[in-house]
């Protein structure tokens, strides 16, 4: 199968799927997500593939959803938001429910929906320069899948999701978002070393082991919680708050990029303070 926005390669029983929109920091739009789903399906159907590696080209694993693309065709009502958010869940479940193990090799920025995509993979390896974050609350929104509490616990999830803070790879490892942090130039070598180890094991045993772990989460209410979150986020995203009105008006007058830059500047001083010693 030919792809426009990703690269697909198979070697040593490992399928590598690489996001390939470096100028857009590998931002995720509908077309990219469909290609990712198709590539995973291709890897699952290939009996020679035992492990999938997901990574990105350039300075980012992915900066998350393509906001400009989303802004160009916004949902018109709460039901539209609900439909879109449910699609987001199904997209991330592509990796969570994949019968073959998926390893995320995170380089650079891994933000918002991309952070959830990385957490939905079975194992996440991060380069030292990687940066993680779920800043949706700063956009009067929230993560569509809400994986964070399941991965890092309520205290750390609340800190990240209520502040919109970005964190280093080392902090992400401490939080449980990441399995290992390695030097940037060793990221893929380390990832493939782990992938080859998994590929050497009987694939049926690996498949059932992954399934049983996921079933434990389902018994605890994992997928029910995801659906409840998406319904509540539809209400939040459909609300015309003062912040949203300000953003829409600024975007109308100055353009989307200017409005987004202005919104980011509102938090810059506060984020810079975090870098200073107490």
C-alpha atoms as a PDB file:
ATOM      1  CA  UNK A   1       0.000   0.000   0.000  1.00  0.00           C
ATOM      2  CA  UNK A   2       1.236   3.502  -0.845  1.00  0.00           C
ATOM      3  CA  UNK A   3       1.107   6.279   1.748  1.00  0.00           C
ATOM      4  CA  UNK A   4       1.343  10.071   1.442  1.00  0.00           C
ATOM      5  CA  UNK A   5       1.960  11.182   5.024  1.00  0.00           C
ATOM      6  CA  UNK A   6       3.772   8.233   6.583  1.00  0.00           C
ATOM      7  CA  UNK A   7       6.643   5.906   5.770  1.00  0.00           C
ATOM      8  CA  UNK A   8       6.165   2.144   6.106  1.00  0.00           C
ATOM      9  CA  UNK A   9       8.958  -0.404   6.207  1.00  0.00           C
ATOM     10  CA  UNK A  10       9.325  -4.039   7.294  1.00  0.00           C
ATOM     11  CA  UNK A  11      12.623  -5.572   8.363  1.00  0.00           C
ATOM     12  CA  UNK A  12      13.542  -8.410  10.739  1.00  0.00           C
ATOM     13  CA  UNK A  13       9.841  -9.068  11.522  1.00  0.00           C
ATOM     14  CA  UNK A  14       9.434  -5.438  12.630  1.00  0.00           C
ATOM     15  CA  UNK A  15       7.122  -2.985  10.848  1.00  0.00           C
ATOM     16  CA  UNK A  16       8.212   0.631  11.261  1.00  0.00           C
ATOM     17  CA  UNK A  17       5.560   3.304  10.800  1.00  0.00           C
ATOM     18  CA  UNK A  18       7.045   6.802  10.600  1.00  0.00           C
ATOM     19  CA  UNK A  19       5.009  10.001  10.640  1.00  0.00           C
ATOM     20  CA  UNK A  20       6.373  12.069   7.772  1.00  0.00           C
ATOM     21  CA  UNK A  21       5.069  15.657   7.950  1.00  0.00           C
ATOM     22  CA  UNK A  22       8.170  17.283   9.485  1.00  0.00           C
ATOM     23  CA  UNK A  23       7.262  20.834   8.415  1.00  0.00           C
ATOM     24  CA  UNK A  24       3.991  20.494  10.341  1.00  0.00           C
ATOM     25  CA  UNK A  25       5.749  18.775  13.279  1.00  0.00           C
ATOM     26  CA  UNK A  26       3.908  15.610  12.210  1.00  0.00           C
ATOM     27  CA  UNK A  27       0.574  17.110  13.235  1.00  0.00           C
ATOM     28  CA  UNK A  28      -2.342  14.695  13.012  1.00  0.00           C
ATOM     29  CA  UNK A  29      -5.223  15.421  10.661  1.00  0.00           C
ATOM     30  CA  UNK A  30      -7.925  13.067   9.403  1.00  0.00           C
ATOM     31  CA  UNK A  31      -5.831  11.869   6.455  1.00  0.00           C
ATOM     32  CA  UNK A  32      -2.786  11.123   8.625  1.00  0.00           C
ATOM     33  CA  UNK A  33      -4.883   9.222  11.153  1.00  0.00           C
ATOM     34  CA  UNK A  34      -6.462   7.131   8.419  1.00  0.00           C
ATOM     35  CA  UNK A  35      -3.049   6.251   7.010  1.00  0.00           C
ATOM     36  CA  UNK A  36      -1.837   5.270  10.479  1.00  0.00           C
ATOM     37  CA  UNK A  37      -4.854   3.006  10.917  1.00  0.00           C
ATOM     38  CA  UNK A  38      -4.282   1.494   7.463  1.00  0.00           C
ATOM     39  CA  UNK A  39      -0.596   0.912   8.188  1.00  0.00           C
ATOM     40  CA  UNK A  40      -1.372  -0.836  11.477  1.00  0.00           C
ATOM     41  CA  UNK A  41      -3.931  -3.002   9.666  1.00  0.00           C
ATOM     42  CA  UNK A  42      -1.306  -3.838   7.031  1.00  0.00           C
ATOM     43  CA  UNK A  43       1.175  -4.856   9.722  1.00  0.00           C
ATOM     44  CA  UNK A  44      -1.433  -6.980  11.518  1.00  0.00           C
ATOM     45  CA  UNK A  45      -2.320  -8.773   8.271  1.00  0.00           C
ATOM     46  CA  UNK A  46       1.348  -9.510   7.489  1.00  0.00           C
ATOM     47  CA  UNK A  47       2.318 -12.826   9.076  1.00  0.00           C
ATOM     48  CA  UNK A  48       5.986 -11.859   8.833  1.00  0.00           C
ATOM     49  CA  UNK A  49       5.441  -8.891  11.176  1.00  0.00           C
ATOM     50  CA  UNK A  50       5.580  -9.554  14.904  1.00  0.00           C
ATOM     51  CA  UNK A  51       6.209  -6.063  16.330  1.00  0.00           C
ATOM     52  CA  UNK A  52       5.268  -2.544  15.232  1.00  0.00           C
ATOM     53  CA  UNK A  53       7.446   0.526  15.878  1.00  0.00           C
ATOM     54  CA  UNK A  54       5.852   3.978  15.681  1.00  0.00           C
ATOM     55  CA  UNK A  55       8.024   7.102  15.358  1.00  0.00           C
ATOM     56  CA  UNK A  56       8.281  10.477  13.604  1.00  0.00           C
ATOM     57  CA  UNK A  57      10.636  12.376  11.302  1.00  0.00           C
ATOM     58  CA  UNK A  58      12.238  15.716  12.099  1.00  0.00           C
ATOM     59  CA  UNK A  59      11.901  17.654  15.363  1.00  0.00           C
ATOM     60  CA  UNK A  60       8.767  15.927  16.639  1.00  0.00           C
ATOM     61  CA  UNK A  61       7.135  12.602  17.210  1.00  0.00           C
ATOM     62  CA  UNK A  62       3.964  14.644  16.729  1.00  0.00           C
ATOM     63  CA  UNK A  63       2.667  17.987  17.995  1.00  0.00           C
ATOM     64  CA  UNK A  64      -0.835  16.521  18.258  1.00  0.00           C
ATOM     65  CA  UNK A  65      -3.958  17.294  16.284  1.00  0.00           C
ATOM     66  CA  UNK A  66      -3.597  19.730  13.402  1.00  0.00           C
ATOM     67  CA  UNK A  67      -5.325  22.731  15.022  1.00  0.00           C
ATOM     68  CA  UNK A  68      -5.482  24.738  11.825  1.00  0.00           C
ATOM     69  CA  UNK A  69      -7.143  21.820  10.082  1.00  0.00           C
ATOM     70  CA  UNK A  70      -9.603  21.474  12.962  1.00  0.00           C
ATOM     71  CA  UNK A  71     -10.303  25.211  12.997  1.00  0.00           C
ATOM     72  CA  UNK A  72     -11.062  25.185   9.256  1.00  0.00           C
ATOM     73  CA  UNK A  73     -13.991  22.793   9.760  1.00  0.00           C
ATOM     74  CA  UNK A  74     -15.175  23.082  13.400  1.00  0.00           C
ATOM     75  CA  UNK A  75     -18.077  20.978  14.700  1.00  0.00           C
ATOM     76  CA  UNK A  76     -21.343  22.914  14.647  1.00  0.00           C
ATOM     77  CA  UNK A  77     -23.107  21.377  17.647  1.00  0.00           C
ATOM     78  CA  UNK A  78     -22.529  19.132  20.650  1.00  0.00           C
ATOM     79  CA  UNK A  79     -23.477  15.993  18.706  1.00  0.00           C
ATOM     80  CA  UNK A  80     -20.852  16.873  16.100  1.00  0.00           C
ATOM     81  CA  UNK A  81     -18.286  17.216  18.897  1.00  0.00           C
ATOM     82  CA  UNK A  82     -19.385  13.902  20.390  1.00  0.00           C
ATOM     83  CA  UNK A  83     -18.955  12.162  17.023  1.00  0.00           C
ATOM     84  CA  UNK A  84     -15.499  13.671  16.515  1.00  0.00           C
ATOM     85  CA  UNK A  85     -14.333  12.755  20.017  1.00  0.00           C
ATOM     86  CA  UNK A  86     -15.569   9.195  19.675  1.00  0.00           C
ATOM     87  CA  UNK A  87     -13.505   8.966  16.478  1.00  0.00           C
ATOM     88  CA  UNK A  88     -10.501  10.138  18.506  1.00  0.00           C
ATOM     89  CA  UNK A  89     -11.019   7.272  20.937  1.00  0.00           C
ATOM     90  CA  UNK A  90     -11.265   4.756  18.122  1.00  0.00           C
ATOM     91  CA  UNK A  91      -8.063   6.149  16.606  1.00  0.00           C
ATOM     92  CA  UNK A  92      -6.016   5.714  19.804  1.00  0.00           C
ATOM     93  CA  UNK A  93      -7.548   2.293  20.400  1.00  0.00           C
ATOM     94  CA  UNK A  94      -5.979   1.301  17.067  1.00  0.00           C
ATOM     95  CA  UNK A  95      -2.702   0.937  18.968  1.00  0.00           C
ATOM     96  CA  UNK A  96      -4.125  -0.149  22.339  1.00  0.00           C
ATOM     97  CA  UNK A  97      -6.223  -2.958  20.798  1.00  0.00           C
ATOM     98  CA  UNK A  98      -3.710  -3.960  18.120  1.00  0.00           C
ATOM     99  CA  UNK A  99      -3.101  -7.723  18.531  1.00  0.00           C
ATOM    100  CA  UNK A 100       0.603  -7.159  17.893  1.00  0.00           C
ATOM    101  CA  UNK A 101       2.766  -5.149  20.310  1.00  0.00           C
ATOM    102  CA  UNK A 102       3.394  -1.508  19.404  1.00  0.00           C
ATOM    103  CA  UNK A 103       6.482   0.382  20.577  1.00  0.00           C
ATOM    104  CA  UNK A 104       6.503   4.189  20.373  1.00  0.00           C
ATOM    105  CA  UNK A 105       9.941   5.729  19.760  1.00  0.00           C
ATOM    106  CA  UNK A 106       9.399   9.354  20.765  1.00  0.00           C
ATOM    107  CA  UNK A 107      11.681  12.024  19.354  1.00  0.00           C
ATOM    108  CA  UNK A 108      11.099  15.705  20.100  1.00  0.00           C
ATOM    109  CA  UNK A 109       7.628  17.065  20.824  1.00  0.00           C
ATOM    110  CA  UNK A 110       4.880  14.638  21.830  1.00  0.00           C
ATOM    111  CA  UNK A 111       1.873  16.757  22.680  1.00  0.00           C
ATOM    112  CA  UNK A 112      -1.893  16.546  23.218  1.00  0.00           C
ATOM    113  CA  UNK A 113      -3.456  13.750  21.146  1.00  0.00           C
ATOM    114  CA  UNK A 114       0.035  12.540  20.200  1.00  0.00           C
ATOM    115  CA  UNK A 115       0.823  12.122  23.891  1.00  0.00           C
ATOM    116  CA  UNK A 116      -2.261   9.936  24.195  1.00  0.00           C
ATOM    117  CA  UNK A 117      -1.212   8.039  21.068  1.00  0.00           C
ATOM    118  CA  UNK A 118       2.199   7.322  22.622  1.00  0.00           C
ATOM    119  CA  UNK A 119       0.603   6.238  25.915  1.00  0.00           C
ATOM    120  CA  UNK A 120      -1.784   3.942  24.025  1.00  0.00           C
ATOM    121  CA  UNK A 121       1.218   2.056  22.653  1.00  0.00           C
ATOM    122  CA  UNK A 122       2.405  -0.920  24.688  1.00  0.00           C
ATOM    123  CA  UNK A 123       5.920   0.389  25.319  1.00  0.00           C
ATOM    124  CA  UNK A 124       7.224   3.944  24.988  1.00  0.00           C
ATOM    125  CA  UNK A 125      10.900   4.800  24.526  1.00  0.00           C
ATOM    126  CA  UNK A 126      11.861   8.489  24.607  1.00  0.00           C
ATOM    127  CA  UNK A 127      14.877  10.415  23.425  1.00  0.00           C
ATOM    128  CA  UNK A 128      16.383  12.686  26.090  1.00  0.00           C
ATOM    129  CA  UNK A 129      15.236  15.755  24.153  1.00  0.00           C
ATOM    130  CA  UNK A 130      11.620  14.591  23.973  1.00  0.00           C
ATOM    131  CA  UNK A 131       8.939  16.820  25.503  1.00  0.00           C
ATOM    132  CA  UNK A 132       5.517  15.594  26.591  1.00  0.00           C
ATOM    133  CA  UNK A 133       2.367  17.504  27.421  1.00  0.00           C
ATOM    134  CA  UNK A 134      -1.413  17.690  27.240  1.00  0.00           C
ATOM    135  CA  UNK A 135      -2.142  21.430  27.008  1.00  0.00           C
ATOM    136  CA  UNK A 136      -5.768  21.109  25.892  1.00  0.00           C
ATOM    137  CA  UNK A 137      -7.112  22.751  29.068  1.00  0.00           C
ATOM    138  CA  UNK A 138      -5.438  25.989  27.958  1.00  0.00           C
ATOM    139  CA  UNK A 139      -7.631  25.792  24.849  1.00  0.00           C
ATOM    140  CA  UNK A 140     -10.788  25.274  26.962  1.00  0.00           C
ATOM    141  CA  UNK A 141     -10.795  21.586  26.114  1.00  0.00           C
ATOM    142  CA  UNK A 142      -9.399  18.335  27.436  1.00  0.00           C
ATOM    143  CA  UNK A 143      -7.821  15.079  26.260  1.00  0.00           C
ATOM    144  CA  UNK A 144     -10.308  13.086  24.178  1.00  0.00           C
ATOM    145  CA  UNK A 145      -9.148   9.721  25.520  1.00  0.00           C
ATOM    146  CA  UNK A 146      -8.104  10.617  29.090  1.00  0.00           C
ATOM    147  CA  UNK A 147      -5.428   7.948  29.346  1.00  0.00           C
ATOM    148  CA  UNK A 148      -3.326   9.877  31.867  1.00  0.00           C
ATOM    149  CA  UNK A 149      -5.047   8.710  35.109  1.00  0.00           C
ATOM    150  CA  UNK A 150      -4.727   5.092  34.020  1.00  0.00           C
ATOM    151  CA  UNK A 151      -1.050   5.454  33.167  1.00  0.00           C
ATOM    152  CA  UNK A 152       0.309   7.800  35.865  1.00  0.00           C
ATOM    153  CA  UNK A 153      -2.280   7.917  38.667  1.00  0.00           C
ATOM    154  CA  UNK A 154      -4.659  10.677  39.691  1.00  0.00           C
ATOM    155  CA  UNK A 155      -2.263  13.127  41.398  1.00  0.00           C
ATOM    156  CA  UNK A 156       0.178  13.410  38.518  1.00  0.00           C
ATOM    157  CA  UNK A 157      -2.603  13.275  35.917  1.00  0.00           C
ATOM    158  CA  UNK A 158      -4.385  16.176  37.597  1.00  0.00           C
ATOM    159  CA  UNK A 159      -1.201  18.244  37.757  1.00  0.00           C
ATOM    160  CA  UNK A 160      -0.538  17.768  34.046  1.00  0.00           C
ATOM    161  CA  UNK A 161      -4.106  18.109  32.834  1.00  0.00           C
ATOM    162  CA  UNK A 162      -5.128  21.042  35.053  1.00  0.00           C
ATOM    163  CA  UNK A 163      -2.017  23.136  34.339  1.00  0.00           C
ATOM    164  CA  UNK A 164      -1.374  22.148  30.731  1.00  0.00           C
ATOM    165  CA  UNK A 165       2.326  21.889  31.631  1.00  0.00           C
ATOM    166  CA  UNK A 166       4.833  20.247  29.329  1.00  0.00           C
ATOM    167  CA  UNK A 167       7.385  17.896  30.920  1.00  0.00           C
ATOM    168  CA  UNK A 168      10.784  16.528  29.991  1.00  0.00           C
ATOM    169  CA  UNK A 169      11.405  12.925  29.018  1.00  0.00           C
ATOM    170  CA  UNK A 170      12.925  12.289  32.449  1.00  0.00           C
ATOM    171  CA  UNK A 171       9.798  13.553  34.215  1.00  0.00           C
ATOM    172  CA  UNK A 172       7.609  11.566  31.802  1.00  0.00           C
ATOM    173  CA  UNK A 173       9.558   8.446  32.775  1.00  0.00           C
ATOM    174  CA  UNK A 174       9.039   9.248  36.472  1.00  0.00           C
ATOM    175  CA  UNK A 175       5.311   9.672  35.799  1.00  0.00           C
ATOM    176  CA  UNK A 176       5.069   6.292  34.083  1.00  0.00           C
ATOM    177  CA  UNK A 177       4.387   7.705  30.603  1.00  0.00           C
ATOM    178  CA  UNK A 178       7.716   6.368  29.362  1.00  0.00           C
ATOM    179  CA  UNK A 179       9.514   3.059  29.900  1.00  0.00           C
ATOM    180  CA  UNK A 180      13.030   4.250  29.106  1.00  0.00           C
ATOM    181  CA  UNK A 181      14.855   7.488  28.270  1.00  0.00           C
ATOM    182  CA  UNK A 182      17.906   7.163  26.033  1.00  0.00           C
ATOM    183  CA  UNK A 183      20.351   9.539  24.281  1.00  0.00           C
ATOM    184  CA  UNK A 184      18.851  11.015  21.122  1.00  0.00           C
ATOM    185  CA  UNK A 185      21.279   9.233  18.812  1.00  0.00           C
ATOM    186  CA  UNK A 186      20.529   5.875  20.471  1.00  0.00           C
ATOM    187  CA  UNK A 187      16.721   6.070  20.287  1.00  0.00           C
ATOM    188  CA  UNK A 188      16.103   3.824  17.304  1.00  0.00           C
ATOM    189  CA  UNK A 189      18.911   1.369  18.134  1.00  0.00           C
ATOM    190  CA  UNK A 190      17.500   0.891  21.642  1.00  0.00           C
ATOM    191  CA  UNK A 191      13.942   0.604  20.305  1.00  0.00           C
ATOM    192  CA  UNK A 192      14.857  -2.017  17.699  1.00  0.00           C
ATOM    193  CA  UNK A 193      16.836  -3.983  20.262  1.00  0.00           C
ATOM    194  CA  UNK A 194      13.700  -4.281  22.375  1.00  0.00           C
ATOM    195  CA  UNK A 195      11.555  -4.992  19.313  1.00  0.00           C
ATOM    196  CA  UNK A 196      13.850  -7.821  18.219  1.00  0.00           C
ATOM    197  CA  UNK A 197      13.647  -9.357  21.693  1.00  0.00           C
ATOM    198  CA  UNK A 198       9.827  -9.384  21.521  1.00  0.00           C
ATOM    199  CA  UNK A 199       9.909 -10.643  17.906  1.00  0.00           C
ATOM    200  CA  UNK A 200      11.973 -13.642  19.029  1.00  0.00           C
ATOM    201  CA  UNK A 201       9.156 -14.820  21.329  1.00  0.00           C
ATOM    202  CA  UNK A 202       6.269 -17.000  20.150  1.00  0.00           C
ATOM    203  CA  UNK A 203       3.774 -14.485  18.650  1.00  0.00           C
ATOM    204  CA  UNK A 204       0.723 -16.277  20.045  1.00  0.00           C
ATOM    205  CA  UNK A 205       2.100 -16.031  23.590  1.00  0.00           C
ATOM    206  CA  UNK A 206       2.816 -12.314  23.082  1.00  0.00           C
ATOM    207  CA  UNK A 207      -0.661 -11.705  21.651  1.00  0.00           C
ATOM    208  CA  UNK A 208      -2.427 -13.412  24.552  1.00  0.00           C
ATOM    209  CA  UNK A 209      -0.206 -11.713  27.140  1.00  0.00           C
ATOM    210  CA  UNK A 210      -1.093  -8.285  25.737  1.00  0.00           C
ATOM    211  CA  UNK A 211      -4.769  -9.222  25.577  1.00  0.00           C
ATOM    212  CA  UNK A 212      -4.893 -10.346  29.221  1.00  0.00           C
ATOM    213  CA  UNK A 213      -3.298  -7.095  30.433  1.00  0.00           C
ATOM    214  CA  UNK A 214      -5.793  -5.049  28.398  1.00  0.00           C
ATOM    215  CA  UNK A 215      -8.682  -7.147  29.684  1.00  0.00           C
ATOM    216  CA  UNK A 216      -7.656  -6.321  33.254  1.00  0.00           C
ATOM    217  CA  UNK A 217      -8.048  -2.626  32.389  1.00  0.00           C
ATOM    218  CA  UNK A 218     -11.436  -3.290  30.770  1.00  0.00           C
ATOM    219  CA  UNK A 219     -12.641  -5.095  33.904  1.00  0.00           C
ATOM    220  CA  UNK A 220     -11.694  -1.985  35.898  1.00  0.00           C
ATOM    221  CA  UNK A 221     -13.890   0.116  33.576  1.00  0.00           C
ATOM    222  CA  UNK A 222     -11.254   1.495  31.213  1.00  0.00           C
ATOM    223  CA  UNK A 223     -13.302   1.784  28.011  1.00  0.00           C
ATOM    224  CA  UNK A 224     -16.438   2.885  29.848  1.00  0.00           C
ATOM    225  CA  UNK A 225     -14.424   5.733  31.378  1.00  0.00           C
ATOM    226  CA  UNK A 226     -13.167   6.725  27.922  1.00  0.00           C
ATOM    227  CA  UNK A 227     -16.718   7.000  26.602  1.00  0.00           C
ATOM    228  CA  UNK A 228     -17.866   9.046  29.598  1.00  0.00           C
ATOM    229  CA  UNK A 229     -14.917  11.420  29.160  1.00  0.00           C
ATOM    230  CA  UNK A 230     -15.650  11.972  25.463  1.00  0.00           C
ATOM    231  CA  UNK A 231     -19.296  12.803  26.238  1.00  0.00           C
ATOM    232  CA  UNK A 232     -18.241  15.347  28.872  1.00  0.00           C
ATOM    233  CA  UNK A 233     -15.573  16.840  26.605  1.00  0.00           C
ATOM    234  CA  UNK A 234     -18.230  17.311  23.916  1.00  0.00           C
ATOM    235  CA  UNK A 235     -20.104  19.531  26.385  1.00  0.00           C
ATOM    236  CA  UNK A 236     -16.929  21.490  27.221  1.00  0.00           C
ATOM    237  CA  UNK A 237     -15.892  21.934  23.584  1.00  0.00           C
ATOM    238  CA  UNK A 238     -19.366  23.067  22.570  1.00  0.00           C
ATOM    239  CA  UNK A 239     -19.530  25.747  25.293  1.00  0.00           C
ATOM    240  CA  UNK A 240     -19.077  29.384  24.177  1.00  0.00           C
ATOM    241  CA  UNK A 241     -16.931  30.636  27.057  1.00  0.00           C
ATOM    242  CA  UNK A 242     -15.347  34.091  27.139  1.00  0.00           C
ATOM    243  CA  UNK A 243     -11.988  32.519  26.278  1.00  0.00           C
ATOM    244  CA  UNK A 244     -13.390  30.786  23.202  1.00  0.00           C
ATOM    245  CA  UNK A 245     -15.193  33.956  22.070  1.00  0.00           C
ATOM    246  CA  UNK A 246     -11.932  35.894  22.435  1.00  0.00           C
ATOM    247  CA  UNK A 247     -10.013  33.301  20.397  1.00  0.00           C
ATOM    248  CA  UNK A 248     -12.593  33.193  17.598  1.00  0.00           C
ATOM    249  CA  UNK A 249     -12.705  36.973  17.366  1.00  0.00           C
ATOM    250  CA  UNK A 250      -8.905  37.242  17.324  1.00  0.00           C
ATOM    251  CA  UNK A 251      -8.671  34.528  14.672  1.00  0.00           C
ATOM    252  CA  UNK A 252     -11.285  36.309  12.573  1.00  0.00           C
ATOM    253  CA  UNK A 253      -9.449  39.638  12.798  1.00  0.00           C
ATOM    254  CA  UNK A 254      -5.805  38.494  12.688  1.00  0.00           C
ATOM    255  CA  UNK A 255      -5.839  34.895  11.470  1.00  0.00           C
ATOM    256  CA  UNK A 256      -5.500  31.534  13.217  1.00  0.00           C
ATOM    257  CA  UNK A 257      -1.720  31.615  13.664  1.00  0.00           C
ATOM    258  CA  UNK A 258      -1.791  35.054  15.322  1.00  0.00           C
ATOM    259  CA  UNK A 259      -4.635  33.999  17.615  1.00  0.00           C
ATOM    260  CA  UNK A 260      -2.829  30.808  18.615  1.00  0.00           C
ATOM    261  CA  UNK A 261       0.421  32.724  19.262  1.00  0.00           C
ATOM    262  CA  UNK A 262      -1.449  35.226  21.431  1.00  0.00           C
ATOM    263  CA  UNK A 263      -2.965  32.393  23.440  1.00  0.00           C
ATOM    264  CA  UNK A 264       0.434  30.762  23.940  1.00  0.00           C
ATOM    265  CA  UNK A 265       1.928  34.068  25.135  1.00  0.00           C
ATOM    266  CA  UNK A 266      -0.668  34.252  27.909  1.00  0.00           C
ATOM    267  CA  UNK A 267       1.068  31.309  29.584  1.00  0.00           C
ATOM    268  CA  UNK A 268       4.691  31.978  28.630  1.00  0.00           C
ATOM    269  CA  UNK A 269       5.589  34.045  31.715  1.00  0.00           C
ATOM    270  CA  UNK A 270       4.038  31.455  34.021  1.00  0.00           C
ATOM    271  CA  UNK A 271       5.860  28.618  32.258  1.00  0.00           C
ATOM    272  CA  UNK A 272       9.149  30.540  32.421  1.00  0.00           C
ATOM    273  CA  UNK A 273       8.752  30.918  36.183  1.00  0.00           C
ATOM    274  CA  UNK A 274       8.775  27.124  36.503  1.00  0.00           C
ATOM    275  CA  UNK A 275      12.336  27.141  35.164  1.00  0.00           C
ATOM    276  CA  UNK A 276      13.575  29.461  37.897  1.00  0.00           C
ATOM    277  CA  UNK A 277      14.780  28.104  41.266  1.00  0.00           C
ATOM    278  CA  UNK A 278      12.486  28.668  44.236  1.00  0.00           C
END
